[in-house]
Amino acid sequence: MRFSSILFGLALAAAGCGNEAGETPPPPAPPAPEESPARVDTTGETASVSIDDFEPLLGDGWTGELVYADPNADSGEGTAEVELEVSLEGRTLTLDFSFPGSPQGDGSAPLEISEDGDWINDEMVLRRERSGGLLTLLTRQECIEGSYIATCEYLYDISETEFSIAKAYRLAGEEEQRFGHQYSFQRDAAG
């Protein structure tokens, strides 16, 4: 769970929130945005990816925001400005996040693509769709959300000028899928 743990840690550092007591289930999260994995139906079949699919992300100049569930906010969500640089070594991309307003949240997250393309870290690739210049991937993994066993899903949108990662999760024994967080980035086509 290297990817999800790191991104979740970055989201917590930026948000400064979390359920440390673990005594009661987390409060209900806001409804998932239309583009989040909580609103995506899977076909039940697996798909695969290649390292070439992530080529448009390489380099710097990515700017955007992190939106995260924040039960203390009136809207139920918080936001943080974030910048991104992406590098590649072998089959592993490194996402270097920096939070100009909260430097303590700065960090890196590896994305290791399996040789068969069925996995991104320990997330199984469930869906792959290309529409024009946009590639959409849906992945799933078993995870820990706070101190609860859960199933996490990630929706990746990849293009030359836009990149996003949205996370939704379902706690074990529950039907409701909750919004976790979403990173959304843009950059000029020249990159």
N, C-alpha and C. Protein backbone atom coordinates (compact mmCIF):
# COMPACT_ATOMS: atom_id res chain seq x y z
N MET A 1 0.82 -1.19 0.00
CA MET A 1 0.00 0.00 0.00
C MET A 1 0.86 1.25 0.00
N ARG A 2 2.01 1.21 -0.64
CA ARG A 2 2.90 2.35 -0.63
C ARG A 2 2.23 3.60 -1.18
N PHE A 3 1.55 3.48 -2.30
CA PHE A 3 0.96 4.66 -2.93
C PHE A 3 -0.14 5.26 -2.07
N SER A 4 -1.09 4.43 -1.64
CA SER A 4 -2.22 4.98 -0.90
C SER A 4 -1.79 5.51 0.45
N SER A 5 -0.87 4.84 1.12
CA SER A 5 -0.42 5.31 2.43
C SER A 5 0.25 6.66 2.30
N ILE A 6 1.08 6.82 1.28
CA ILE A 6 1.78 8.09 1.11
C ILE A 6 0.81 9.19 0.75
N LEU A 7 -0.08 8.94 -0.21
CA LEU A 7 -1.04 9.98 -0.58
C LEU A 7 -1.96 10.30 0.57
N PHE A 8 -2.39 9.28 1.31
CA PHE A 8 -3.25 9.53 2.46
C PHE A 8 -2.50 10.36 3.49
N GLY A 9 -1.21 10.05 3.70
CA GLY A 9 -0.40 10.83 4.63
C GLY A 9 -0.26 12.26 4.18
N LEU A 10 -0.04 12.47 2.89
CA LEU A 10 0.05 13.83 2.37
C LEU A 10 -1.26 14.57 2.55
N ALA A 11 -2.38 13.88 2.32
CA ALA A 11 -3.69 14.51 2.51
C ALA A 11 -3.89 14.88 3.97
N LEU A 12 -3.50 13.99 4.87
CA LEU A 12 -3.65 14.30 6.30
C LEU A 12 -2.75 15.44 6.72
N ALA A 13 -1.52 15.48 6.21
CA ALA A 13 -0.62 16.56 6.57
C ALA A 13 -1.17 17.89 6.09
N ALA A 14 -1.73 17.90 4.90
CA ALA A 14 -2.29 19.14 4.37
C ALA A 14 -3.57 19.52 5.10
N ALA A 15 -4.34 18.53 5.48
CA ALA A 15 -5.62 18.80 6.12
C ALA A 15 -5.51 19.00 7.61
N GLY A 16 -4.55 18.33 8.23
CA GLY A 16 -4.42 18.41 9.68
C GLY A 16 -5.59 17.77 10.40
N CYS A 17 -6.19 16.75 9.79
CA CYS A 17 -7.34 16.11 10.41
C CYS A 17 -7.14 14.61 10.41
N GLY A 18 -7.99 13.91 11.11
CA GLY A 18 -7.92 12.46 11.15
C GLY A 18 -8.59 11.94 12.40
N ASN A 19 -8.94 10.67 12.41
CA ASN A 19 -9.59 10.05 13.55
C ASN A 19 -8.57 9.18 14.27
N GLU A 20 -7.85 9.75 15.24
CA GLU A 20 -6.82 9.01 15.94
C GLU A 20 -7.41 8.08 17.00
N ALA A 21 -8.54 8.43 17.60
CA ALA A 21 -9.11 7.63 18.67
C ALA A 21 -9.57 6.27 18.17
N GLY A 22 -10.17 6.22 17.00
CA GLY A 22 -10.63 4.97 16.42
C GLY A 22 -11.78 4.34 17.19
N GLU A 23 -12.46 5.12 18.02
CA GLU A 23 -13.53 4.57 18.85
C GLU A 23 -14.85 4.47 18.11
N THR A 24 -15.12 5.37 17.20
CA THR A 24 -16.37 5.35 16.45
C THR A 24 -16.04 5.44 14.97
N PRO A 25 -16.94 4.99 14.11
CA PRO A 25 -16.69 5.12 12.68
C PRO A 25 -16.52 6.58 12.30
N PRO A 26 -15.76 6.84 11.22
CA PRO A 26 -15.58 8.22 10.80
C PRO A 26 -16.93 8.85 10.45
N PRO A 27 -17.03 10.17 10.58
CA PRO A 27 -18.29 10.83 10.23
C PRO A 27 -18.55 10.67 8.74
N PRO A 28 -19.82 10.75 8.34
CA PRO A 28 -20.13 10.61 6.92
C PRO A 28 -19.39 11.66 6.09
N ALA A 29 -18.82 11.22 5.01
CA ALA A 29 -18.14 12.13 4.10
C ALA A 29 -19.17 12.74 3.17
N PRO A 30 -18.82 13.86 2.54
CA PRO A 30 -19.75 14.45 1.59
C PRO A 30 -19.97 13.51 0.41
N PRO A 31 -21.07 13.69 -0.32
CA PRO A 31 -21.30 12.84 -1.48
C PRO A 31 -20.12 12.92 -2.44
N ALA A 32 -19.84 11.83 -3.10
CA ALA A 32 -18.72 11.80 -4.03
C ALA A 32 -19.02 12.66 -5.25
N PRO A 33 -18.02 13.44 -5.71
CA PRO A 33 -18.21 14.20 -6.94
C PRO A 33 -18.46 13.25 -8.11
N GLU A 34 -19.10 13.74 -9.14
CA GLU A 34 -19.43 12.91 -10.30
C GLU A 34 -18.19 12.23 -10.87
N GLU A 35 -17.02 12.90 -10.83
CA GLU A 35 -15.83 12.35 -11.44
C GLU A 35 -15.05 11.44 -10.49
N SER A 36 -15.53 11.20 -9.29
CA SER A 36 -14.78 10.39 -8.35
C SER A 36 -15.02 8.90 -8.60
N PRO A 37 -14.12 8.05 -8.09
CA PRO A 37 -14.30 6.61 -8.30
C PRO A 37 -15.57 6.07 -7.68
N ALA A 38 -16.13 6.78 -6.71
CA ALA A 38 -17.36 6.31 -6.08
C ALA A 38 -18.54 6.34 -7.04
N ARG A 39 -18.42 7.06 -8.14
CA ARG A 39 -19.50 7.16 -9.12
C ARG A 39 -19.23 6.32 -10.36
N VAL A 40 -18.22 5.46 -10.33
CA VAL A 40 -17.84 4.69 -11.50
C VAL A 40 -18.22 3.23 -11.31
N ASP A 41 -18.89 2.66 -12.30
CA ASP A 41 -19.21 1.24 -12.27
C ASP A 41 -18.10 0.48 -12.99
N THR A 42 -17.68 -0.63 -12.42
CA THR A 42 -16.65 -1.43 -13.08
C THR A 42 -17.32 -2.53 -13.89
N THR A 43 -16.59 -3.02 -14.87
CA THR A 43 -17.13 -4.07 -15.74
C THR A 43 -16.91 -5.45 -15.16
N GLY A 44 -16.08 -5.55 -14.12
CA GLY A 44 -15.76 -6.85 -13.56
C GLY A 44 -14.57 -7.50 -14.24
N GLU A 45 -14.08 -6.91 -15.31
CA GLU A 45 -12.92 -7.43 -16.02
C GLU A 45 -11.71 -6.58 -15.64
N THR A 46 -10.53 -7.17 -15.77
CA THR A 46 -9.33 -6.40 -15.49
C THR A 46 -8.81 -5.80 -16.79
N ALA A 47 -8.02 -4.77 -16.65
CA ALA A 47 -7.40 -4.10 -17.78
C ALA A 47 -5.91 -4.03 -17.49
N SER A 48 -5.14 -3.46 -18.39
CA SER A 48 -3.72 -3.32 -18.12
C SER A 48 -3.23 -1.97 -18.62
N VAL A 49 -2.09 -1.56 -18.08
CA VAL A 49 -1.46 -0.29 -18.44
C VAL A 49 0.00 -0.55 -18.77
N SER A 50 0.63 0.43 -19.37
CA SER A 50 2.08 0.36 -19.61
C SER A 50 2.70 1.65 -19.11
N ILE A 51 3.99 1.61 -18.93
CA ILE A 51 4.69 2.81 -18.47
C ILE A 51 4.51 3.94 -19.48
N ASP A 52 4.34 3.59 -20.76
CA ASP A 52 4.13 4.61 -21.80
C ASP A 52 2.85 5.42 -21.57
N ASP A 53 1.86 4.82 -20.92
CA ASP A 53 0.61 5.54 -20.65
C ASP A 53 0.84 6.75 -19.76
N PHE A 54 1.91 6.72 -18.97
CA PHE A 54 2.19 7.79 -18.02
C PHE A 54 3.20 8.81 -18.56
N GLU A 55 3.69 8.60 -19.77
CA GLU A 55 4.66 9.50 -20.40
C GLU A 55 4.22 10.96 -20.39
N PRO A 56 2.94 11.27 -20.66
CA PRO A 56 2.52 12.68 -20.67
C PRO A 56 2.71 13.39 -19.33
N LEU A 57 2.87 12.65 -18.24
CA LEU A 57 2.98 13.26 -16.92
C LEU A 57 4.39 13.74 -16.59
N LEU A 58 5.39 13.21 -17.29
CA LEU A 58 6.78 13.48 -16.92
C LEU A 58 7.11 14.96 -16.97
N GLY A 59 7.91 15.39 -15.99
CA GLY A 59 8.37 16.77 -15.93
C GLY A 59 7.69 17.56 -14.84
N ASP A 60 7.92 18.87 -14.91
CA ASP A 60 7.36 19.74 -13.88
C ASP A 60 6.34 20.68 -14.50
N GLY A 61 5.94 21.69 -13.75
CA GLY A 61 4.97 22.67 -14.24
C GLY A 61 3.53 22.32 -13.93
N TRP A 62 3.30 21.22 -13.20
CA TRP A 62 1.94 20.84 -12.81
C TRP A 62 1.52 21.65 -11.60
N THR A 63 0.39 22.35 -11.69
CA THR A 63 -0.16 23.09 -10.55
C THR A 63 -1.63 22.71 -10.39
N GLY A 64 -2.09 22.75 -9.15
CA GLY A 64 -3.49 22.39 -8.93
C GLY A 64 -3.86 22.45 -7.48
N GLU A 65 -4.80 21.56 -7.11
CA GLU A 65 -5.27 21.56 -5.74
C GLU A 65 -5.59 20.14 -5.28
N LEU A 66 -5.56 20.00 -3.97
CA LEU A 66 -6.01 18.79 -3.31
C LEU A 66 -7.33 19.13 -2.64
N VAL A 67 -8.36 18.34 -2.91
CA VAL A 67 -9.65 18.47 -2.22
C VAL A 67 -9.76 17.22 -1.35
N TYR A 68 -10.07 17.41 -0.08
CA TYR A 68 -10.13 16.29 0.85
C TYR A 68 -11.37 16.42 1.74
N ALA A 69 -11.84 15.29 2.23
CA ALA A 69 -12.98 15.28 3.15
C ALA A 69 -12.53 15.90 4.47
N ASP A 70 -13.27 16.90 4.94
CA ASP A 70 -12.96 17.58 6.20
C ASP A 70 -14.26 17.77 6.96
N PRO A 71 -14.53 16.90 7.93
CA PRO A 71 -15.79 16.99 8.66
C PRO A 71 -15.92 18.27 9.48
N ASN A 72 -14.81 18.99 9.69
CA ASN A 72 -14.85 20.23 10.46
C ASN A 72 -15.20 21.45 9.62
N ALA A 73 -15.15 21.31 8.30
CA ALA A 73 -15.47 22.42 7.41
C ALA A 73 -16.97 22.47 7.15
N ASP A 74 -17.50 23.67 6.98
CA ASP A 74 -18.94 23.83 6.71
C ASP A 74 -19.37 23.04 5.48
N SER A 75 -18.52 23.04 4.44
CA SER A 75 -18.86 22.34 3.20
C SER A 75 -18.58 20.84 3.28
N GLY A 76 -17.85 20.41 4.32
CA GLY A 76 -17.47 19.01 4.42
C GLY A 76 -16.19 18.69 3.67
N GLU A 77 -15.63 19.70 3.01
CA GLU A 77 -14.40 19.52 2.25
C GLU A 77 -13.42 20.64 2.56
N GLY A 78 -12.14 20.32 2.43
CA GLY A 78 -11.09 21.31 2.52
C GLY A 78 -10.27 21.28 1.24
N THR A 79 -9.50 22.33 1.00
CA THR A 79 -8.65 22.37 -0.19
C THR A 79 -7.26 22.86 0.19
N ALA A 80 -6.29 22.48 -0.60
CA ALA A 80 -4.92 22.94 -0.45
C ALA A 80 -4.31 23.08 -1.83
N GLU A 81 -3.58 24.16 -2.05
CA GLU A 81 -2.85 24.36 -3.29
C GLU A 81 -1.68 23.38 -3.33
N VAL A 82 -1.43 22.80 -4.51
CA VAL A 82 -0.35 21.80 -4.62
C VAL A 82 0.32 21.90 -5.99
N GLU A 83 1.62 21.62 -6.00
CA GLU A 83 2.40 21.57 -7.24
C GLU A 83 2.98 20.16 -7.36
N LEU A 84 3.26 19.75 -8.60
CA LEU A 84 3.70 18.37 -8.84
C LEU A 84 4.81 18.33 -9.87
N GLU A 85 5.79 17.47 -9.61
CA GLU A 85 6.82 17.13 -10.59
C GLU A 85 6.86 15.61 -10.67
N VAL A 86 6.96 15.08 -11.90
CA VAL A 86 6.92 13.62 -12.09
C VAL A 86 8.19 13.17 -12.80
N SER A 87 8.86 12.17 -12.23
CA SER A 87 10.06 11.61 -12.84
C SER A 87 9.88 10.10 -13.01
N LEU A 88 10.75 9.50 -13.82
CA LEU A 88 10.65 8.08 -14.13
C LEU A 88 12.01 7.42 -14.01
N GLU A 89 12.04 6.27 -13.34
CA GLU A 89 13.23 5.44 -13.31
C GLU A 89 12.78 3.99 -13.44
N GLY A 90 13.15 3.36 -14.54
CA GLY A 90 12.70 1.99 -14.79
C GLY A 90 11.19 1.95 -14.96
N ARG A 91 10.52 1.15 -14.14
CA ARG A 91 9.06 1.02 -14.19
C ARG A 91 8.38 1.81 -13.08
N THR A 92 9.13 2.71 -12.43
CA THR A 92 8.59 3.47 -11.30
C THR A 92 8.57 4.96 -11.58
N LEU A 93 7.38 5.53 -11.52
CA LEU A 93 7.22 6.98 -11.57
C LEU A 93 7.30 7.50 -10.14
N THR A 94 7.89 8.67 -9.96
CA THR A 94 7.89 9.31 -8.65
C THR A 94 7.13 10.61 -8.76
N LEU A 95 6.08 10.74 -7.95
CA LEU A 95 5.28 11.96 -7.89
C LEU A 95 5.81 12.78 -6.71
N ASP A 96 6.42 13.92 -7.00
CA ASP A 96 6.94 14.82 -5.96
C ASP A 96 5.94 15.95 -5.77
N PHE A 97 5.26 15.92 -4.62
CA PHE A 97 4.24 16.91 -4.28
C PHE A 97 4.85 18.02 -3.44
N SER A 98 4.46 19.26 -3.71
CA SER A 98 4.82 20.36 -2.81
C SER A 98 3.57 21.20 -2.58
N PHE A 99 3.39 21.58 -1.32
CA PHE A 99 2.24 22.36 -0.89
C PHE A 99 2.74 23.74 -0.48
N PRO A 100 2.65 24.75 -1.37
CA PRO A 100 3.17 26.08 -1.05
C PRO A 100 2.63 26.65 0.26
N GLY A 101 1.38 26.39 0.59
CA GLY A 101 0.80 26.93 1.82
C GLY A 101 1.05 26.07 3.04
N SER A 102 1.52 24.85 2.85
CA SER A 102 1.77 23.91 3.96
C SER A 102 2.97 23.04 3.63
N PRO A 103 4.19 23.61 3.68
CA PRO A 103 5.38 22.85 3.28
C PRO A 103 5.57 21.55 4.06
N GLN A 104 5.01 21.45 5.26
CA GLN A 104 5.14 20.21 6.03
C GLN A 104 4.43 19.05 5.33
N GLY A 105 3.56 19.33 4.38
CA GLY A 105 2.87 18.29 3.63
C GLY A 105 3.64 17.80 2.42
N ASP A 106 4.77 18.47 2.08
CA ASP A 106 5.56 18.06 0.92
C ASP A 106 5.98 16.60 1.05
N GLY A 107 6.03 15.91 -0.08
CA GLY A 107 6.47 14.53 -0.05
C GLY A 107 6.43 13.90 -1.42
N SER A 108 6.79 12.63 -1.48
CA SER A 108 6.85 11.89 -2.73
C SER A 108 6.02 10.62 -2.63
N ALA A 109 5.53 10.17 -3.77
CA ALA A 109 4.78 8.92 -3.85
C ALA A 109 5.24 8.16 -5.09
N PRO A 110 5.68 6.90 -4.92
CA PRO A 110 6.06 6.10 -6.09
C PRO A 110 4.84 5.44 -6.72
N LEU A 111 4.86 5.33 -8.03
CA LEU A 111 3.87 4.54 -8.77
C LEU A 111 4.65 3.50 -9.55
N GLU A 112 4.66 2.27 -9.07
CA GLU A 112 5.38 1.21 -9.76
C GLU A 112 4.41 0.41 -10.62
N ILE A 113 4.70 0.36 -11.91
CA ILE A 113 3.85 -0.35 -12.86
C ILE A 113 4.39 -1.78 -12.99
N SER A 114 3.55 -2.77 -12.76
CA SER A 114 4.00 -4.17 -12.87
C SER A 114 4.36 -4.49 -14.31
N GLU A 115 5.19 -5.52 -14.49
CA GLU A 115 5.62 -5.90 -15.84
C GLU A 115 4.45 -6.31 -16.72
N ASP A 116 3.44 -6.97 -16.14
CA ASP A 116 2.29 -7.38 -16.94
C ASP A 116 1.27 -6.26 -17.10
N GLY A 117 1.47 -5.13 -16.39
CA GLY A 117 0.58 -3.98 -16.52
C GLY A 117 -0.73 -4.10 -15.79
N ASP A 118 -0.90 -5.17 -15.01
CA ASP A 118 -2.16 -5.38 -14.28
C ASP A 118 -2.22 -4.63 -12.95
N TRP A 119 -1.08 -4.10 -12.50
CA TRP A 119 -1.00 -3.48 -11.18
C TRP A 119 -0.27 -2.15 -11.24
N ILE A 120 -0.73 -1.21 -10.43
CA ILE A 120 0.00 0.02 -10.11
C ILE A 120 0.23 -0.08 -8.60
N ASN A 121 1.48 -0.27 -8.18
CA ASN A 121 1.80 -0.63 -6.80
C ASN A 121 0.97 -1.86 -6.46
N ASP A 122 0.15 -1.82 -5.41
CA ASP A 122 -0.70 -2.98 -5.11
C ASP A 122 -2.16 -2.70 -5.42
N GLU A 123 -2.39 -1.83 -6.40
CA GLU A 123 -3.73 -1.53 -6.89
C GLU A 123 -3.96 -2.31 -8.19
N MET A 124 -5.01 -3.12 -8.24
CA MET A 124 -5.34 -3.85 -9.46
C MET A 124 -6.01 -2.90 -10.44
N VAL A 125 -5.56 -2.92 -11.68
CA VAL A 125 -6.15 -2.08 -12.72
C VAL A 125 -7.45 -2.75 -13.18
N LEU A 126 -8.57 -2.06 -12.97
CA LEU A 126 -9.88 -2.62 -13.31
C LEU A 126 -10.41 -2.12 -14.65
N ARG A 127 -10.08 -0.89 -14.98
CA ARG A 127 -10.65 -0.29 -16.18
C ARG A 127 -9.64 0.65 -16.82
N ARG A 128 -9.65 0.65 -18.14
CA ARG A 128 -8.80 1.54 -18.92
C ARG A 128 -9.64 2.02 -20.10
N GLU A 129 -9.81 3.35 -20.20
CA GLU A 129 -10.57 3.92 -21.31
C GLU A 129 -9.81 5.11 -21.87
N ARG A 130 -9.81 5.22 -23.19
CA ARG A 130 -9.19 6.38 -23.83
C ARG A 130 -10.27 7.10 -24.62
N SER A 131 -10.34 8.41 -24.41
CA SER A 131 -11.27 9.26 -25.14
C SER A 131 -10.50 10.48 -25.61
N GLY A 132 -10.23 10.53 -26.91
CA GLY A 132 -9.40 11.61 -27.42
C GLY A 132 -8.02 11.53 -26.79
N GLY A 133 -7.57 12.62 -26.21
CA GLY A 133 -6.26 12.65 -25.57
C GLY A 133 -6.28 12.30 -24.10
N LEU A 134 -7.43 11.86 -23.58
CA LEU A 134 -7.56 11.58 -22.15
C LEU A 134 -7.60 10.07 -21.90
N LEU A 135 -6.72 9.60 -21.02
CA LEU A 135 -6.72 8.21 -20.59
C LEU A 135 -7.28 8.16 -19.17
N THR A 136 -8.28 7.31 -18.95
CA THR A 136 -8.87 7.14 -17.62
C THR A 136 -8.61 5.72 -17.15
N LEU A 137 -8.08 5.61 -15.93
CA LEU A 137 -7.80 4.32 -15.30
C LEU A 137 -8.55 4.23 -13.99
N LEU A 138 -9.08 3.06 -13.69
CA LEU A 138 -9.69 2.80 -12.39
C LEU A 138 -8.96 1.63 -11.76
N THR A 139 -8.50 1.81 -10.50
CA THR A 139 -7.80 0.76 -9.78
C THR A 139 -8.47 0.51 -8.44
N ARG A 140 -8.18 -0.66 -7.86
CA ARG A 140 -8.76 -1.01 -6.56
C ARG A 140 -7.72 -1.76 -5.73
N GLN A 141 -7.78 -1.55 -4.41
CA GLN A 141 -6.92 -2.27 -3.48
C GLN A 141 -7.60 -2.37 -2.11
N GLU A 142 -7.20 -3.36 -1.35
CA GLU A 142 -7.60 -3.43 0.05
C GLU A 142 -6.70 -2.44 0.79
N CYS A 143 -7.26 -1.72 1.77
CA CYS A 143 -6.49 -0.67 2.42
C CYS A 143 -6.96 -0.48 3.86
N ILE A 144 -6.27 0.37 4.57
CA ILE A 144 -6.67 0.80 5.90
C ILE A 144 -7.02 2.27 5.79
N GLU A 145 -8.21 2.62 6.19
CA GLU A 145 -8.67 4.02 6.16
C GLU A 145 -8.87 4.45 7.60
N GLY A 146 -7.98 5.33 8.08
CA GLY A 146 -7.97 5.64 9.51
C GLY A 146 -7.51 4.37 10.21
N SER A 147 -8.31 3.82 11.06
CA SER A 147 -7.97 2.54 11.70
C SER A 147 -8.94 1.44 11.26
N TYR A 148 -9.57 1.63 10.11
CA TYR A 148 -10.59 0.71 9.63
C TYR A 148 -10.14 -0.01 8.36
N ILE A 149 -10.49 -1.29 8.25
CA ILE A 149 -10.24 -2.04 7.02
C ILE A 149 -11.22 -1.55 5.97
N ALA A 150 -10.72 -1.33 4.76
CA ALA A 150 -11.55 -0.76 3.71
C ALA A 150 -11.09 -1.26 2.35
N THR A 151 -11.88 -0.95 1.34
CA THR A 151 -11.50 -1.13 -0.05
C THR A 151 -11.40 0.26 -0.66
N CYS A 152 -10.23 0.56 -1.24
CA CYS A 152 -10.01 1.88 -1.84
C CYS A 152 -10.01 1.76 -3.35
N GLU A 153 -10.59 2.74 -4.01
CA GLU A 153 -10.56 2.83 -5.46
C GLU A 153 -9.97 4.17 -5.85
N TYR A 154 -9.18 4.14 -6.93
CA TYR A 154 -8.53 5.35 -7.43
C TYR A 154 -8.90 5.53 -8.89
N LEU A 155 -9.23 6.75 -9.25
CA LEU A 155 -9.55 7.10 -10.63
C LEU A 155 -8.46 8.05 -11.11
N TYR A 156 -7.71 7.63 -12.13
CA TYR A 156 -6.64 8.43 -12.71
C TYR A 156 -7.13 8.98 -14.04
N ASP A 157 -6.99 10.28 -14.26
CA ASP A 157 -7.20 10.90 -15.57
C ASP A 157 -5.87 11.48 -16.00
N ILE A 158 -5.40 11.07 -17.19
CA ILE A 158 -4.06 11.43 -17.65
C ILE A 158 -4.15 12.02 -19.05
N SER A 159 -3.59 13.21 -19.23
CA SER A 159 -3.45 13.80 -20.57
C SER A 159 -2.21 14.70 -20.55
N GLU A 160 -1.92 15.31 -21.68
CA GLU A 160 -0.77 16.22 -21.78
C GLU A 160 -0.93 17.44 -20.88
N THR A 161 -2.16 17.88 -20.66
CA THR A 161 -2.39 19.13 -19.93
C THR A 161 -3.17 18.98 -18.63
N GLU A 162 -3.70 17.79 -18.35
CA GLU A 162 -4.47 17.57 -17.12
C GLU A 162 -4.12 16.22 -16.52
N PHE A 163 -4.10 16.19 -15.19
CA PHE A 163 -3.83 14.96 -14.46
C PHE A 163 -4.59 15.02 -13.14
N SER A 164 -5.32 13.95 -12.84
CA SER A 164 -6.00 13.90 -11.54
C SER A 164 -5.97 12.48 -11.00
N ILE A 165 -5.99 12.41 -9.67
CA ILE A 165 -6.12 11.15 -8.95
C ILE A 165 -7.21 11.37 -7.91
N ALA A 166 -8.29 10.61 -8.01
CA ALA A 166 -9.38 10.71 -7.04
C ALA A 166 -9.46 9.40 -6.27
N LYS A 167 -9.69 9.50 -4.98
CA LYS A 167 -9.79 8.31 -4.13
C LYS A 167 -11.17 8.25 -3.48
N ALA A 168 -11.76 7.06 -3.52
CA ALA A 168 -12.99 6.78 -2.77
C ALA A 168 -12.75 5.48 -2.02
N TYR A 169 -13.45 5.28 -0.92
CA TYR A 169 -13.25 4.06 -0.15
C TYR A 169 -14.58 3.58 0.44
N ARG A 170 -14.60 2.29 0.71
CA ARG A 170 -15.76 1.67 1.36
C ARG A 170 -15.22 0.90 2.56
N LEU A 171 -15.73 1.25 3.75
CA LEU A 171 -15.32 0.54 4.96
C LEU A 171 -15.87 -0.88 4.93
N ALA A 172 -15.12 -1.83 5.48
CA ALA A 172 -15.56 -3.22 5.52
C ALA A 172 -16.92 -3.31 6.20
N GLY A 173 -17.83 -4.04 5.58
CA GLY A 173 -19.16 -4.23 6.14
C GLY A 173 -20.15 -3.13 5.80
N GLU A 174 -19.71 -2.10 5.09
CA GLU A 174 -20.61 -1.01 4.71
C GLU A 174 -20.84 -1.02 3.21
N GLU A 175 -21.98 -0.52 2.79
CA GLU A 175 -22.30 -0.40 1.37
C GLU A 175 -21.89 0.95 0.81
N GLU A 176 -21.96 1.98 1.64
CA GLU A 176 -21.70 3.35 1.19
C GLU A 176 -20.23 3.55 0.83
N GLN A 177 -20.01 4.14 -0.33
CA GLN A 177 -18.66 4.50 -0.73
C GLN A 177 -18.46 5.97 -0.40
N ARG A 178 -17.34 6.29 0.21
CA ARG A 178 -17.07 7.65 0.69
C ARG A 178 -15.96 8.30 -0.12
N PHE A 179 -16.05 9.61 -0.23
CA PHE A 179 -15.02 10.40 -0.89
C PHE A 179 -13.82 10.51 0.04
N GLY A 180 -12.63 10.23 -0.47
CA GLY A 180 -11.41 10.37 0.30
C GLY A 180 -10.71 11.68 0.01
N HIS A 181 -10.19 11.80 -1.21
CA HIS A 181 -9.55 13.04 -1.64
C HIS A 181 -9.37 13.00 -3.15
N GLN A 182 -9.05 14.17 -3.71
CA GLN A 182 -8.79 14.26 -5.14
C GLN A 182 -7.71 15.30 -5.40
N TYR A 183 -6.67 14.86 -6.11
CA TYR A 183 -5.65 15.77 -6.62
C TYR A 183 -6.02 16.11 -8.05
N SER A 184 -6.02 17.39 -8.41
CA SER A 184 -6.30 17.83 -9.79
C SER A 184 -5.22 18.80 -10.21
N PHE A 185 -4.56 18.51 -11.33
CA PHE A 185 -3.45 19.34 -11.82
C PHE A 185 -3.68 19.74 -13.26
N GLN A 186 -3.08 20.88 -13.63
CA GLN A 186 -3.07 21.34 -15.02
C GLN A 186 -1.65 21.84 -15.31
N ARG A 187 -1.31 21.86 -16.60
CA ARG A 187 -0.08 22.53 -17.05
C ARG A 187 -0.23 22.85 -18.52
N ASP A 188 0.58 23.79 -18.98
CA ASP A 188 0.58 24.15 -20.39
C ASP A 188 1.06 22.97 -21.22
N ALA A 189 0.60 22.89 -22.45
CA ALA A 189 0.95 21.78 -23.33
C ALA A 189 2.45 21.65 -23.53
N ALA A 190 3.19 22.75 -23.47
CA ALA A 190 4.64 22.71 -23.65
C ALA A 190 5.31 21.99 -22.49
N GLY A 191 4.65 21.95 -21.27
CA GLY A 191 5.16 21.22 -20.12
C GLY A 191 6.44 21.76 -19.64
